[in-house]
Amino acid sequence: MRFDIAIVGAGTAGAGAAWQCARRGMRVVCVDSRPLAEAGARWVNGVATWLLDAAEIPTIAPAGQRGGDVVQDGCPGRR
């Protein structure tokens, strides 16, 4: 299979770049050293949670399942 662009790293920046390229009609492959279920950022760093949903990026597990806390930043009800 041929691709127009290869993105290395499926973290916040890599996943966002891959999504934007795909939206513009490019054939994209995004590679990460971790398995798909573990790839990508495991935190929200000032990113509105609706953006993660729109990009189909899974959010972290609820608090307690991984031993950490979920911190949500932003203004409730605003996009």
C-alpha atoms as a PDB file:
ATOM      1  CA  MET A   1       0.000   0.000   0.000  1.00  0.00           C
ATOM      2  CA  ARG A   2       1.232   3.516  -0.793  1.00  0.00           C
ATOM      3  CA  PHE A   3       0.821   6.562   1.428  1.00  0.00           C
ATOM      4  CA  ASP A   4       1.198  10.282   0.810  1.00  0.00           C
ATOM      5  CA  ILE A   5       2.620  10.922   4.278  1.00  0.00           C
ATOM      6  CA  ALA A   6       3.930   8.952   7.253  1.00  0.00           C
ATOM      7  CA  ILE A   7       3.519  10.380  10.742  1.00  0.00           C
ATOM      8  CA  VAL A   8       5.889   9.007  13.385  1.00  0.00           C
ATOM      9  CA  GLY A   9       4.349   9.093  16.861  1.00  0.00           C
ATOM     10  CA  ALA A  10       0.665   8.824  17.714  1.00  0.00           C
ATOM     11  CA  GLY A  11       0.731  11.310  20.565  1.00  0.00           C
ATOM     12  CA  THR A  12      -1.303  14.504  20.612  1.00  0.00           C
ATOM     13  CA  ALA A  13       0.693  16.233  17.865  1.00  0.00           C
ATOM     14  CA  GLY A  14       1.126  13.152  15.667  1.00  0.00           C
ATOM     15  CA  ALA A  15      -2.519  12.097  15.868  1.00  0.00           C
ATOM     16  CA  GLY A  16      -3.614  15.671  15.181  1.00  0.00           C
ATOM     17  CA  ALA A  17      -1.305  15.984  12.187  1.00  0.00           C
ATOM     18  CA  ALA A  18      -2.483  12.627  10.808  1.00  0.00           C
ATOM     19  CA  TRP A  19      -6.127  13.620  11.222  1.00  0.00           C
ATOM     20  CA  GLN A  20      -5.628  16.988   9.501  1.00  0.00           C
ATOM     21  CA  CYS A  21      -3.795  15.371   6.574  1.00  0.00           C
ATOM     22  CA  ALA A  22      -6.494  12.706   6.193  1.00  0.00           C
ATOM     23  CA  ARG A  23      -9.189  15.414   6.219  1.00  0.00           C
ATOM     24  CA  ARG A  24      -7.415  16.991   3.251  1.00  0.00           C
ATOM     25  CA  GLY A  25      -7.567  13.756   1.281  1.00  0.00           C
ATOM     26  CA  MET A  26      -4.060  12.459   1.886  1.00  0.00           C
ATOM     27  CA  ARG A  27      -3.396   8.753   2.419  1.00  0.00           C
ATOM     28  CA  VAL A  28      -1.825   8.709   5.876  1.00  0.00           C
ATOM     29  CA  VAL A  29      -0.051   6.105   7.975  1.00  0.00           C
ATOM     30  CA  CYS A  30       0.633   6.915  11.626  1.00  0.00           C
ATOM     31  CA  VAL A  31       3.178   4.681  13.365  1.00  0.00           C
ATOM     32  CA  ASP A  32       4.008   4.429  17.046  1.00  0.00           C
ATOM     33  CA  SER A  33       6.317   2.156  19.015  1.00  0.00           C
ATOM     34  CA  ARG A  34       3.452   1.172  21.318  1.00  0.00           C
ATOM     35  CA  PRO A  35       0.457  -1.048  20.474  1.00  0.00           C
ATOM     36  CA  LEU A  36      -2.627   0.817  19.223  1.00  0.00           C
ATOM     37  CA  ALA A  37      -4.441   0.433  22.561  1.00  0.00           C
ATOM     38  CA  GLU A  38      -1.511   2.122  24.350  1.00  0.00           C
ATOM     39  CA  ALA A  39      -0.488   4.692  21.723  1.00  0.00           C
ATOM     40  CA  GLY A  40      -1.213   8.376  22.006  1.00  0.00           C
ATOM     41  CA  ALA A  41      -1.156  10.789  24.882  1.00  0.00           C
ATOM     42  CA  ARG A  42      -2.577   9.582  28.170  1.00  0.00           C
ATOM     43  CA  TRP A  43      -3.505  13.010  29.458  1.00  0.00           C
ATOM     44  CA  VAL A  44      -5.387  16.104  28.408  1.00  0.00           C
ATOM     45  CA  ASN A  45      -3.012  19.043  28.302  1.00  0.00           C
ATOM     46  CA  GLY A  46      -5.319  21.990  27.852  1.00  0.00           C
ATOM     47  CA  VAL A  47      -7.173  20.313  24.972  1.00  0.00           C
ATOM     48  CA  ALA A  48     -10.948  20.561  25.062  1.00  0.00           C
ATOM     49  CA  THR A  49     -12.331  17.051  25.538  1.00  0.00           C
ATOM     50  CA  TRP A  50     -14.772  17.487  22.629  1.00  0.00           C
ATOM     51  CA  LEU A  51     -11.744  17.808  20.317  1.00  0.00           C
ATOM     52  CA  LEU A  52     -10.538  14.381  21.427  1.00  0.00           C
ATOM     53  CA  ASP A  53     -14.002  12.958  20.733  1.00  0.00           C
ATOM     54  CA  ALA A  54     -14.117  14.617  17.298  1.00  0.00           C
ATOM     55  CA  ALA A  55     -10.712  13.153  16.418  1.00  0.00           C
ATOM     56  CA  GLU A  56     -11.815   9.743  17.757  1.00  0.00           C
ATOM     57  CA  ILE A  57      -8.922   9.717  20.233  1.00  0.00           C
ATOM     58  CA  PRO A  58      -9.744   7.585  23.297  1.00  0.00           C
ATOM     59  CA  THR A  59      -9.470   9.350  26.635  1.00  0.00           C
ATOM     60  CA  ILE A  60      -7.821   7.868  29.703  1.00  0.00           C
ATOM     61  CA  ALA A  61      -9.574   5.371  31.951  1.00  0.00           C
ATOM     62  CA  PRO A  62     -11.641   6.731  34.862  1.00  0.00           C
ATOM     63  CA  ALA A  63      -9.736   7.489  38.073  1.00  0.00           C
ATOM     64  CA  GLY A  64      -8.868   4.389  40.048  1.00  0.00           C
ATOM     65  CA  GLN A  65      -8.564   2.047  37.081  1.00  0.00           C
ATOM     66  CA  ARG A  66      -4.961   3.079  36.480  1.00  0.00           C
ATOM     67  CA  GLY A  67      -4.192   4.486  39.904  1.00  0.00           C
ATOM     68  CA  GLY A  68      -4.263   8.119  38.807  1.00  0.00           C
ATOM     69  CA  ASP A  69      -6.611  11.065  38.773  1.00  0.00           C
ATOM     70  CA  VAL A  70      -8.508  12.458  35.815  1.00  0.00           C
ATOM     71  CA  VAL A  71      -8.114  16.222  35.582  1.00  0.00           C
ATOM     72  CA  GLN A  72     -10.414  18.145  33.273  1.00  0.00           C
ATOM     73  CA  ASP A  73      -9.448  21.662  32.312  1.00  0.00           C
ATOM     74  CA  GLY A  74     -11.565  24.248  30.550  1.00  0.00           C
ATOM     75  CA  CYS A  75     -14.877  26.043  30.710  1.00  0.00           C
ATOM     76  CA  PRO A  76     -17.903  23.749  31.116  1.00  0.00           C
ATOM     77  CA  GLY A  77     -20.455  24.127  28.349  1.00  0.00           C
ATOM     78  CA  ARG A  78     -18.170  26.021  25.960  1.00  0.00           C
ATOM     79  CA  ARG A  79     -16.515  24.832  22.782  1.00  0.00           C
END
